């Protein structure tokens, strides 16, 4: 069973989740999108950001478009940010929500001679109040992540409502880290070891929040190690008017 929501009244809190699903290929290795959907549904997130969605692997397994399957299975609204498109299929991330998404933009965070990267930025009117959401998957090199962190900070200018940035930040180091940059603006953040899932050492996957008090509780799910090389992060957040 998923972890129940914590102390704050349900009318004031919502649940967000981020997970790098590793193309839905577990340690078997075998493509299995149903396991991904089942684990996400067990935690009942209102908003979920998924990274490394890969329709190329789905085609090999004779499965329909995973971007569409994930959105229809996990929420009423969603958008995919596809960073790689080939004759074999598409690869990228998605943001899926229980509630409508407005003013949605996909920002190109790509760094020269590196894998394309994107950030999804949207406003969601939840029953608990308005929420600004940024979902992303940052690069592997230090210079690349630094450039992408600067771009994210520009998107976070003039904070007025509760804001969350979530995803796989690939943040390995402390010096000049993404956490150090984003933490100044989004001071509430999770701190779980998520990679590699079999024996987690690094805090690559996070949820960042403004204001700090918006973070009510967070946890991860060790069962995900059978499905992906990352563990998910699930957070309950309190929205502020």
Protein backbone atom coordinates (compact mmCIF):
# COMPACT_ATOMS: atom_id res chain seq x y z
CA UNK A 1 0.00 0.00 0.00
CA UNK A 2 1.08 3.59 -0.57
CA UNK A 3 2.07 5.84 2.31
CA UNK A 4 -0.95 7.78 3.67
CA UNK A 5 -0.98 11.57 3.59
CA UNK A 6 0.36 13.31 6.65
CA UNK A 7 -0.79 15.81 9.26
CA UNK A 8 -2.30 18.73 7.29
CA UNK A 9 -6.01 18.57 6.37
CA UNK A 10 -6.66 17.05 2.94
CA UNK A 11 -8.28 20.29 1.79
CA UNK A 12 -4.94 22.10 2.24
CA UNK A 13 -2.46 19.51 0.96
CA UNK A 14 -1.72 17.80 -2.30
CA UNK A 15 0.74 15.05 -3.24
CA UNK A 16 3.42 15.39 -5.91
CA UNK A 17 5.78 12.70 -7.17
CA UNK A 18 8.87 12.56 -9.37
CA UNK A 19 10.45 9.44 -10.82
CA UNK A 20 13.04 8.61 -13.47
CA UNK A 21 11.53 5.38 -14.84
CA UNK A 22 14.62 4.30 -16.87
CA UNK A 23 12.59 3.63 -20.00
CA UNK A 24 10.33 1.23 -18.02
CA UNK A 25 13.11 -1.36 -18.15
CA UNK A 26 13.79 -2.99 -14.82
CA UNK A 27 16.67 -5.13 -13.60
CA UNK A 28 15.30 -8.17 -15.48
CA UNK A 29 15.86 -6.37 -17.98
CA UNK A 30 12.39 -6.29 -19.53
CA UNK A 31 10.15 -3.45 -20.73
CA UNK A 32 7.14 -3.36 -18.42
CA UNK A 33 5.07 -0.17 -18.33
CA UNK A 34 2.37 -1.81 -16.20
CA UNK A 35 4.76 -2.06 -13.26
CA UNK A 36 5.52 1.65 -13.56
CA UNK A 37 1.83 2.58 -13.61
CA UNK A 38 1.04 0.28 -10.66
CA UNK A 39 3.77 1.73 -8.45
CA UNK A 40 2.77 5.33 -9.20
CA UNK A 41 -0.91 4.60 -8.60
CA UNK A 42 -0.09 3.02 -5.24
CA UNK A 43 1.02 6.42 -3.94
CA UNK A 44 -1.99 8.36 -5.32
CA UNK A 45 -0.12 11.47 -6.51
CA UNK A 46 -2.12 14.45 -7.69
CA UNK A 47 0.78 15.58 -9.87
CA UNK A 48 3.56 13.35 -11.18
CA UNK A 49 6.71 14.13 -13.18
CA UNK A 50 8.27 11.19 -15.04
CA UNK A 51 11.64 11.15 -16.77
CA UNK A 52 13.23 8.81 -19.33
CA UNK A 53 10.01 7.79 -21.05
CA UNK A 54 11.09 5.86 -24.14
CA UNK A 55 8.68 4.84 -26.92
CA UNK A 56 11.57 3.16 -28.77
CA UNK A 57 11.70 0.40 -26.16
CA UNK A 58 7.91 0.23 -26.22
CA UNK A 59 7.93 -0.53 -29.94
CA UNK A 60 10.40 -3.35 -29.39
CA UNK A 61 7.92 -4.79 -26.86
CA UNK A 62 4.95 -4.15 -29.23
CA UNK A 63 3.40 -1.66 -26.80
CA UNK A 64 1.54 1.52 -27.83
CA UNK A 65 2.94 4.99 -27.17
CA UNK A 66 3.99 5.13 -23.47
CA UNK A 67 3.51 8.92 -23.30
CA UNK A 68 -0.18 8.41 -24.03
CA UNK A 69 -0.55 5.34 -21.80
CA UNK A 70 1.03 7.07 -18.80
CA UNK A 71 -1.10 10.19 -19.13
CA UNK A 72 -4.36 8.27 -19.52
CA UNK A 73 -3.50 5.97 -16.60
CA UNK A 74 -2.18 8.53 -14.11
CA UNK A 75 -4.09 11.79 -14.58
CA UNK A 76 -6.69 13.79 -16.43
CA UNK A 77 -4.23 16.27 -17.91
CA UNK A 78 -0.63 16.12 -19.06
CA UNK A 79 2.08 17.17 -21.45
CA UNK A 80 5.13 15.42 -22.80
CA UNK A 81 8.47 17.09 -23.49
CA UNK A 82 10.16 14.91 -26.08
CA UNK A 83 13.88 15.55 -26.35
CA UNK A 84 14.78 12.86 -28.90
CA UNK A 85 12.66 11.97 -31.93
CA UNK A 86 13.82 9.34 -34.42
CA UNK A 87 12.27 6.96 -36.91
CA UNK A 88 12.24 4.38 -34.09
CA UNK A 89 10.29 6.50 -31.62
CA UNK A 90 10.59 9.25 -29.01
CA UNK A 91 12.31 9.83 -25.68
CA UNK A 92 11.76 12.43 -22.98
CA UNK A 93 9.72 13.35 -19.93
CA UNK A 94 6.12 14.14 -18.98
CA UNK A 95 4.16 16.08 -16.39
CA UNK A 96 0.76 14.63 -15.50
CA UNK A 97 -1.89 16.29 -13.33
CA UNK A 98 -5.26 15.52 -11.80
CA UNK A 99 -6.30 19.13 -12.56
CA UNK A 100 -6.09 21.37 -15.66
CA UNK A 101 -2.76 22.95 -16.60
CA UNK A 102 -2.62 26.57 -17.81
CA UNK A 103 0.06 28.82 -19.31
CA UNK A 104 2.12 25.73 -20.08
CA UNK A 105 5.51 26.21 -21.69
CA UNK A 106 8.31 23.83 -22.64
CA UNK A 107 11.71 25.48 -22.22
CA UNK A 108 14.76 24.26 -24.09
CA UNK A 109 17.65 23.80 -21.62
CA UNK A 110 19.97 22.09 -24.08
CA UNK A 111 23.72 22.68 -23.77
CA UNK A 112 26.04 22.58 -26.82
CA UNK A 113 27.19 19.09 -27.79
CA UNK A 114 25.20 17.46 -24.99
CA UNK A 115 21.93 15.48 -24.91
CA UNK A 116 18.87 17.74 -25.40
CA UNK A 117 17.11 18.73 -22.16
CA UNK A 118 13.78 20.41 -21.44
CA UNK A 119 11.80 21.94 -18.59
CA UNK A 120 8.00 21.92 -18.42
CA UNK A 121 6.56 25.01 -16.72
CA UNK A 122 2.85 25.32 -15.93
CA UNK A 123 0.21 26.74 -13.56
CA UNK A 124 -2.21 24.31 -11.92
CA UNK A 125 -5.34 25.48 -10.14
CA UNK A 126 -5.74 22.88 -7.40
CA UNK A 127 -8.67 22.71 -4.95
CA UNK A 128 -6.19 23.86 -2.27
CA UNK A 129 -5.09 26.90 -4.31
CA UNK A 130 -2.86 27.86 -7.24
CA UNK A 131 0.42 26.03 -7.78
CA UNK A 132 3.31 26.83 -10.11
CA UNK A 133 5.10 23.67 -11.30
CA UNK A 134 8.41 23.15 -13.10
CA UNK A 135 9.39 19.60 -14.07
CA UNK A 136 12.80 18.87 -15.53
CA UNK A 137 15.64 16.41 -16.17
CA UNK A 138 19.05 18.09 -16.06
CA UNK A 139 22.30 17.09 -17.75
CA UNK A 140 25.26 15.00 -16.65
CA UNK A 141 28.13 17.49 -16.86
CA UNK A 142 28.90 20.21 -14.30
CA UNK A 143 28.95 23.11 -16.81
CA UNK A 144 25.73 21.86 -18.38
CA UNK A 145 23.87 21.70 -15.06
CA UNK A 146 25.16 25.12 -14.04
CA UNK A 147 23.76 26.63 -17.25
CA UNK A 148 20.46 24.83 -16.74
CA UNK A 149 20.21 25.94 -13.10
CA UNK A 150 20.59 29.56 -14.22
CA UNK A 151 17.76 29.04 -16.73
CA UNK A 152 15.53 27.54 -14.03
CA UNK A 153 16.20 30.48 -11.72
CA UNK A 154 14.99 32.86 -14.44
CA UNK A 155 11.73 30.90 -14.64
CA UNK A 156 11.33 31.28 -10.86
CA UNK A 157 11.47 35.08 -10.87
CA UNK A 158 8.79 36.99 -8.92
CA UNK A 159 7.38 34.14 -6.83
CA UNK A 160 3.84 34.92 -5.70
CA UNK A 161 2.17 31.54 -5.22
CA UNK A 162 3.35 28.18 -3.94
CA UNK A 163 5.96 26.90 -6.38
CA UNK A 164 7.44 23.44 -6.88
CA UNK A 165 10.35 22.33 -9.05
CA UNK A 166 10.77 18.58 -9.31
CA UNK A 167 12.61 16.00 -11.36
CA UNK A 168 15.96 14.29 -11.88
CA UNK A 169 18.53 17.02 -11.29
CA UNK A 170 21.58 14.75 -11.74
CA UNK A 171 23.18 16.70 -8.90
CA UNK A 172 26.25 14.70 -7.85
CA UNK A 173 28.47 17.34 -6.22
CA UNK A 174 28.10 19.99 -3.52
CA UNK A 175 30.42 22.71 -4.87
CA UNK A 176 28.39 24.87 -7.24
CA UNK A 177 25.59 22.35 -7.09
CA UNK A 178 22.06 22.78 -8.38
CA UNK A 179 20.82 22.37 -4.81
CA UNK A 180 22.92 25.30 -3.68
CA UNK A 181 21.50 27.49 -6.46
CA UNK A 182 17.84 26.44 -6.31
CA UNK A 183 17.83 26.16 -2.53
CA UNK A 184 18.25 29.92 -2.20
CA UNK A 185 14.99 30.51 -4.04
CA UNK A 186 13.13 27.28 -3.21
CA UNK A 187 14.29 26.67 0.38
CA UNK A 188 12.06 23.67 1.10
CA UNK A 189 13.46 20.53 -0.49
CA UNK A 190 13.57 16.77 -0.08
CA UNK A 191 16.76 14.94 0.82
CA UNK A 192 16.46 11.27 -0.14
CA UNK A 193 19.12 9.03 -1.64
CA UNK A 194 17.63 7.79 -4.90
CA UNK A 195 20.44 6.48 -7.13
CA UNK A 196 21.41 3.78 -7.85
CA UNK A 197 18.17 2.25 -6.65
CA UNK A 198 19.71 -1.10 -5.64
CA UNK A 199 21.96 0.68 -3.12
CA UNK A 200 21.12 4.41 -3.10
CA UNK A 201 24.06 6.77 -2.59
CA UNK A 202 23.18 9.97 -4.43
CA UNK A 203 20.37 12.52 -4.01
CA UNK A 204 19.66 12.97 -7.73
CA UNK A 205 15.87 13.19 -7.61
CA UNK A 206 14.32 16.00 -5.58
CA UNK A 207 11.30 18.17 -4.94
CA UNK A 208 12.07 21.87 -4.31
CA UNK A 209 9.45 24.22 -2.82
CA UNK A 210 8.66 27.81 -2.04
CA UNK A 211 7.90 28.71 0.64
CA UNK A 212 9.92 26.43 2.89
CA UNK A 213 6.88 25.62 5.02
CA UNK A 214 5.08 24.16 2.00
CA UNK A 215 6.89 20.84 2.48
CA UNK A 216 4.81 18.75 4.89
CA UNK A 217 6.38 15.30 4.44
CA UNK A 218 8.26 13.20 1.90
CA UNK A 219 9.30 9.61 1.35
CA UNK A 220 10.56 7.22 -1.28
CA UNK A 221 9.69 3.65 -2.24
CA UNK A 222 12.37 0.92 -2.14
CA UNK A 223 10.12 -1.36 -4.20
CA UNK A 224 10.96 0.79 -7.23
CA UNK A 225 14.46 -0.74 -7.35
CA UNK A 226 12.93 -3.70 -9.22
CA UNK A 227 11.61 -1.37 -11.92
CA UNK A 228 14.16 1.42 -12.43
CA UNK A 229 17.70 2.48 -11.51
CA UNK A 230 16.18 5.47 -9.65
CA UNK A 231 13.86 5.56 -6.64
CA UNK A 232 10.89 7.95 -6.77
CA UNK A 233 10.35 10.87 -4.41
CA UNK A 234 6.82 11.44 -3.12
CA UNK A 235 5.99 14.68 -1.28
CA UNK A 236 2.95 16.03 0.51
CA UNK A 237 2.83 19.81 0.23
CA UNK A 238 0.70 22.50 1.82
CA UNK A 239 -0.41 25.29 -0.48
CA UNK A 240 -0.33 28.88 0.75
CA UNK A 241 -2.77 31.50 -0.55
